[in-house]
Amino acid sequence: MLRARCVADAARLSPQTVFSHVTAAALLGLWVPPRIEVVHVTQTFKTKSQRDTIVRHHRPLSDDDITQIDGVLVTGLTRTVIDCITSLPVEWALAVADSAMRLRLPPRRRDQPHDRDEVEALREEWVRYLAQLGPMRGCRQARDILRRADPGSESPGESRLRCVALAAGLPAPILQMPVHTAEGLFHADFGWALGPPHDRTFACVEFDGRGKYEDPSEQSREEARQSAIIAAGHRLERFSGEDLLNEVRHLILPRLFALVPELVEAREPVVHLNPRPPRRRNRRL
């Protein structure tokens, strides 16, 4: 749907127009908000044309910043990441950065985490690119996002939930955290290892995506998995997409704090990872 819309818009726009920001992120296959009402483009020239369905950005682009998808010009992955993490709401900014890392780095099995040297090299590449663009709105948020982006996240819900924990000042959790139980090895979406290495308690966080357990057999396996983790003396808290809705999201932190009370007192909230009041443009994305 979005690709067809961009192809149609490209036919009416200048040939030098490049689709960018959250539009480019969606075309590249990154995790973006589900309802995108406008198309974002970047132009190096001014135009008097105004359309409510197109948001125009005016910044220079190099040839290395541009690629093609379905015959239309689109900002490349690095430029798209930077444009998104400086402009999107913070939780979705982290989701975009996480998914972009997953796209750039070789895929891994869940029990084989990404090589940290590769992750850090990619992080530094994006930090350098951000610095080269010079001062712009959202730079501080972008730097905080880049420091915490991780390809171990397996869904936008996991990324957004992790962002809530990080913004509150909880330590960076372990993604796809291995937990040994009497029933075998399981992996929590993310969590924290508490206590001394020889006698650790694992505080596990699971994010249940929409339709994850529509299959009764899958639901039964998940219940057995949860029971095994708790029987091994560990903690587990489950969240879903409904918990991220504005009406109830204030309940997330009390549940996380109850899961890891040992970490609450020493936490230092991260100002630029806390949601900013939305601007009019951000409401449309």
Protein backbone atom coordinates (compact mmCIF):
# COMPACT_ATOMS: atom_id res chain seq x y z
CA MET A 1 0.00 0.00 0.00
CA LEU A 2 2.70 2.52 1.04
CA ARG A 3 4.96 1.51 -1.85
CA ALA A 4 2.14 2.00 -4.35
CA ARG A 5 1.37 5.37 -2.81
CA CYS A 6 5.01 6.47 -3.07
CA VAL A 7 5.24 5.33 -6.69
CA ALA A 8 2.13 7.38 -7.47
CA ASP A 9 3.43 10.43 -5.60
CA ALA A 10 6.82 10.16 -7.30
CA ALA A 11 5.14 10.55 -10.68
CA ARG A 12 3.74 13.92 -9.57
CA LEU A 13 6.84 15.22 -7.76
CA SER A 14 10.16 16.51 -9.03
CA PRO A 15 12.56 13.74 -10.13
CA GLN A 16 15.01 15.00 -7.47
CA THR A 17 12.54 14.34 -4.64
CA VAL A 18 13.69 11.63 -2.20
CA PHE A 19 11.34 9.77 0.12
CA SER A 20 12.72 9.98 3.64
CA HIS A 21 12.17 9.77 7.40
CA VAL A 22 9.48 7.35 8.56
CA THR A 23 8.33 6.77 4.96
CA ALA A 24 11.81 5.58 3.97
CA ALA A 25 11.99 3.48 7.15
CA ALA A 26 8.78 1.69 6.21
CA LEU A 27 10.00 1.11 2.64
CA LEU A 28 13.27 -0.31 3.98
CA GLY A 29 11.38 -2.73 6.21
CA LEU A 30 12.14 -1.11 9.57
CA TRP A 31 9.76 -1.04 12.55
CA VAL A 32 7.56 2.04 12.31
CA PRO A 33 4.28 3.22 13.85
CA PRO A 34 1.31 1.32 12.38
CA ARG A 35 -0.65 4.33 11.09
CA ILE A 36 1.28 6.65 8.78
CA GLU A 37 -1.03 9.35 7.46
CA VAL A 38 1.48 11.40 5.44
CA VAL A 39 4.43 10.80 3.16
CA HIS A 40 7.78 12.37 4.08
CA VAL A 41 10.13 13.61 1.38
CA THR A 42 13.46 15.43 1.44
CA GLN A 43 14.22 18.04 -1.21
CA THR A 44 17.33 20.13 -1.68
CA PHE A 45 15.25 22.88 -3.27
CA LYS A 46 12.35 25.04 -2.12
CA THR A 47 8.90 24.65 -3.62
CA LYS A 48 5.64 26.54 -3.30
CA SER A 49 3.58 23.40 -3.72
CA GLN A 50 1.73 22.40 -0.57
CA ARG A 51 -0.19 19.17 0.01
CA ASP A 52 -1.61 18.04 3.34
CA THR A 53 -0.51 14.47 2.67
CA ILE A 54 3.18 15.30 2.08
CA VAL A 55 5.67 16.62 4.64
CA ARG A 56 8.65 18.26 2.95
CA HIS A 57 12.10 18.48 4.54
CA HIS A 58 14.83 20.70 3.13
CA ARG A 59 18.33 19.37 3.84
CA PRO A 60 21.24 18.48 1.58
CA LEU A 61 21.69 14.86 0.55
CA SER A 62 24.82 13.26 -0.87
CA ASP A 63 24.76 10.51 -3.48
CA ASP A 64 25.67 8.04 -0.71
CA ASP A 65 22.51 9.07 1.16
CA ILE A 66 20.20 7.87 -1.61
CA THR A 67 19.10 4.46 -2.87
CA GLN A 68 16.23 3.18 -5.02
CA ILE A 69 13.25 1.00 -4.15
CA ASP A 70 10.69 0.11 -6.81
CA GLY A 71 12.14 2.79 -9.04
CA VAL A 72 11.71 5.67 -6.57
CA LEU A 73 14.47 7.51 -4.72
CA VAL A 74 14.68 6.74 -1.00
CA THR A 75 17.17 7.74 1.66
CA GLY A 76 19.58 4.92 2.49
CA LEU A 77 19.63 3.07 5.77
CA THR A 78 22.08 5.27 7.67
CA ARG A 79 20.45 8.55 6.68
CA THR A 80 16.99 7.11 7.35
CA VAL A 81 17.99 5.98 10.84
CA ILE A 82 19.34 9.43 11.72
CA ASP A 83 16.30 11.24 10.28
CA CYS A 84 13.97 8.98 12.28
CA ILE A 85 15.75 9.01 15.63
CA THR A 86 15.93 12.81 15.59
CA SER A 87 12.23 13.25 14.77
CA LEU A 88 10.13 10.28 15.90
CA PRO A 89 8.67 9.84 19.40
CA VAL A 90 11.43 8.33 21.50
CA GLU A 91 10.05 4.78 21.83
CA TRP A 92 9.59 4.44 18.09
CA ALA A 93 13.00 6.02 17.53
CA LEU A 94 14.57 3.16 19.51
CA ALA A 95 12.46 0.63 17.58
CA VAL A 96 13.73 2.04 14.27
CA ALA A 97 17.35 1.95 15.46
CA ASP A 98 17.02 -1.61 16.81
CA SER A 99 15.47 -2.89 13.58
CA ALA A 100 18.06 -1.08 11.45
CA MET A 101 20.84 -2.79 13.39
CA ARG A 102 19.12 -6.14 12.80
CA LEU A 103 19.00 -5.33 9.08
CA ARG A 104 22.67 -4.31 8.84
CA LEU A 105 24.23 -7.05 10.94
CA PRO A 106 24.27 -10.75 10.04
CA PRO A 107 21.26 -12.61 11.46
CA ARG A 108 21.82 -14.71 14.56
CA ARG A 109 19.98 -17.55 16.21
CA ARG A 110 18.38 -16.60 19.49
CA ASP A 111 21.04 -18.46 21.46
CA GLN A 112 23.87 -16.79 19.54
CA PRO A 113 24.01 -13.07 20.39
CA HIS A 114 25.50 -10.58 17.96
CA ASP A 115 29.22 -9.93 18.16
CA ARG A 116 29.56 -6.88 20.37
CA ASP A 117 32.49 -5.52 18.33
CA GLU A 118 30.27 -5.48 15.24
CA VAL A 119 27.50 -3.74 17.16
CA GLU A 120 29.85 -1.10 18.57
CA ALA A 121 31.42 -0.48 15.15
CA LEU A 122 27.99 0.13 13.62
CA ARG A 123 27.00 2.35 16.56
CA GLU A 124 30.14 4.47 16.10
CA GLU A 125 29.51 4.73 12.36
CA TRP A 126 26.07 6.19 12.99
CA VAL A 127 27.34 8.50 15.75
CA ARG A 128 29.96 9.91 13.36
CA TYR A 129 27.35 10.41 10.65
CA LEU A 130 25.10 12.27 13.09
CA ALA A 131 27.98 14.56 14.07
CA GLN A 132 28.77 15.31 10.41
CA LEU A 133 25.24 16.61 9.83
CA GLY A 134 25.79 19.39 12.36
CA PRO A 135 23.34 20.83 14.90
CA MET A 136 19.69 19.87 14.42
CA ARG A 137 16.60 19.35 16.50
CA GLY A 138 16.61 15.99 18.28
CA CYS A 139 20.40 15.48 18.38
CA ARG A 140 20.49 14.74 22.11
CA GLN A 141 17.68 12.21 21.84
CA ALA A 142 19.46 10.64 18.86
CA ARG A 143 22.73 10.23 20.77
CA ASP A 144 20.92 8.60 23.69
CA ILE A 145 19.10 6.28 21.29
CA LEU A 146 22.29 5.27 19.47
CA ARG A 147 24.03 4.46 22.76
CA ARG A 148 21.25 2.02 23.63
CA ALA A 149 20.15 0.55 20.30
CA ASP A 150 20.57 -3.22 20.14
CA PRO A 151 19.94 -5.77 17.37
CA GLY A 152 18.86 -8.34 19.96
CA SER A 153 15.35 -6.90 20.12
CA GLU A 154 12.91 -9.12 18.23
CA SER A 155 9.88 -6.85 17.89
CA PRO A 156 8.90 -3.17 18.06
CA GLY A 157 6.92 -3.90 21.23
CA GLU A 158 10.05 -5.22 22.94
CA SER A 159 11.98 -2.11 21.88
CA ARG A 160 9.30 0.29 23.09
CA LEU A 161 8.94 -1.50 26.42
CA ARG A 162 12.72 -1.52 26.90
CA CYS A 163 12.75 2.22 26.19
CA VAL A 164 10.36 2.79 29.10
CA ALA A 165 12.74 0.91 31.42
CA LEU A 166 15.81 2.77 30.13
CA ALA A 167 14.13 6.18 30.37
CA ALA A 168 13.33 5.47 34.01
CA GLY A 169 17.02 4.89 34.67
CA LEU A 170 17.03 1.13 35.08
CA PRO A 171 20.27 -0.52 33.91
CA ALA A 172 20.46 -1.71 30.33
CA PRO A 173 18.85 -5.17 30.36
CA ILE A 174 20.19 -8.34 28.77
CA LEU A 175 18.31 -9.02 25.53
CA GLN A 176 17.26 -12.59 24.76
CA MET A 177 18.48 -13.45 28.25
CA PRO A 178 19.24 -17.18 28.70
CA VAL A 179 17.53 -18.78 31.70
CA HIS A 180 18.30 -22.38 32.71
CA THR A 181 15.46 -24.36 34.26
CA ALA A 182 14.68 -28.00 35.05
CA GLU A 183 12.75 -28.11 31.77
CA GLY A 184 15.65 -26.80 29.70
CA LEU A 185 17.11 -23.52 28.48
CA PHE A 186 14.71 -20.66 27.74
CA HIS A 187 15.30 -17.10 26.54
CA ALA A 188 13.45 -14.13 27.99
CA ASP A 189 12.84 -11.15 25.70
CA PHE A 190 14.96 -9.11 28.09
CA GLY A 191 15.77 -8.98 31.77
CA TRP A 192 18.30 -8.46 34.53
CA ALA A 193 20.61 -10.84 36.40
CA LEU A 194 20.44 -10.06 40.13
CA GLY A 195 22.68 -11.25 42.94
CA PRO A 196 26.13 -12.87 42.93
CA PRO A 197 27.19 -14.93 39.88
CA HIS A 198 27.03 -18.23 41.76
CA ASP A 199 23.46 -17.72 42.96
CA ARG A 200 21.72 -15.38 40.56
CA THR A 201 18.06 -14.56 40.31
CA PHE A 202 16.88 -13.61 36.84
CA ALA A 203 14.17 -10.97 36.48
CA CYS A 204 12.57 -11.75 33.12
CA VAL A 205 10.39 -9.52 30.96
CA GLU A 206 8.28 -10.98 28.18
CA PHE A 207 6.40 -9.00 25.54
CA ASP A 208 3.46 -10.85 24.00
CA GLY A 209 2.77 -9.67 20.48
CA ARG A 210 -0.71 -9.65 18.99
CA GLY A 211 -1.84 -13.15 18.13
CA LYS A 212 1.24 -14.76 19.67
CA TYR A 213 -0.76 -17.47 21.37
CA GLU A 214 -3.75 -17.94 19.09
CA ASP A 215 -2.65 -21.56 18.71
CA PRO A 216 -3.79 -23.39 21.88
CA SER A 217 -0.74 -25.67 21.76
CA GLU A 218 1.56 -22.64 21.66
CA GLN A 219 -0.25 -21.14 24.62
CA SER A 220 0.16 -24.39 26.53
CA ARG A 221 3.90 -24.46 25.79
CA GLU A 222 4.25 -20.86 26.95
CA GLU A 223 2.45 -21.57 30.22
CA ALA A 224 4.78 -24.53 30.84
CA ARG A 225 7.77 -22.32 30.04
CA GLN A 226 6.62 -19.66 32.47
CA SER A 227 6.02 -22.24 35.20
CA ALA A 228 9.52 -23.67 34.69
CA ILE A 229 11.15 -20.23 35.00
CA ILE A 230 9.28 -19.43 38.21
CA ALA A 231 9.91 -22.92 39.64
CA ALA A 232 13.64 -22.31 39.12
CA GLY A 233 13.40 -19.37 41.52
CA HIS A 234 13.32 -16.59 38.94
CA ARG A 235 10.86 -13.74 38.38
CA LEU A 236 8.79 -13.03 35.30
CA GLU A 237 6.50 -10.18 34.24
CA ARG A 238 4.47 -10.21 31.03
CA PHE A 239 3.40 -7.23 28.95
CA SER A 240 1.44 -6.80 25.73
CA GLY A 241 0.70 -4.10 23.20
CA GLU A 242 -2.30 -2.98 25.26
CA ASP A 243 0.06 -2.00 28.09
CA LEU A 244 1.71 0.55 25.78
CA LEU A 245 -1.53 2.42 25.12
CA ASN A 246 -1.52 5.99 26.42
CA GLU A 247 -4.43 5.33 28.77
CA VAL A 248 -2.62 2.64 30.78
CA ARG A 249 1.10 3.04 30.06
CA HIS A 250 1.60 4.76 33.44
CA LEU A 251 1.16 1.31 34.98
CA ILE A 252 4.27 -0.11 33.29
CA LEU A 253 6.88 1.38 35.60
CA PRO A 254 5.29 0.26 38.88
CA ARG A 255 5.26 -3.29 37.52
CA LEU A 256 8.90 -3.07 36.40
CA PHE A 257 9.96 -1.58 39.74
CA ALA A 258 8.18 -4.38 41.57
CA LEU A 259 10.05 -6.88 39.41
CA VAL A 260 13.49 -5.43 40.24
CA PRO A 261 13.21 -3.51 43.54
CA GLU A 262 16.97 -3.96 44.05
CA LEU A 263 17.64 -1.66 41.09
CA VAL A 264 15.16 1.10 41.80
CA GLU A 265 17.02 3.19 44.37
CA ALA A 266 20.19 3.62 42.30
CA ARG A 267 18.45 4.44 39.03
CA GLU A 268 19.12 7.71 37.18
CA PRO A 269 16.34 8.68 34.73
CA VAL A 270 17.48 9.62 31.23
CA VAL A 271 15.83 12.93 30.33
CA HIS A 272 16.07 12.62 26.56
CA LEU A 273 14.56 9.13 26.55
CA ASN A 274 11.36 10.36 28.17
CA PRO A 275 8.56 11.22 25.73
CA ARG A 276 8.32 14.87 24.69
CA PRO A 277 4.95 16.58 24.29
CA PRO A 278 3.93 15.77 20.70
CA ARG A 279 4.23 18.43 18.04
CA ARG A 280 1.43 18.83 15.54
CA ARG A 281 3.49 17.24 12.77
CA ASN A 282 4.39 14.21 14.90
CA ARG A 283 0.73 13.40 15.39
CA ARG A 284 0.47 12.58 11.72
CA LEU A 285 3.88 10.90 11.39
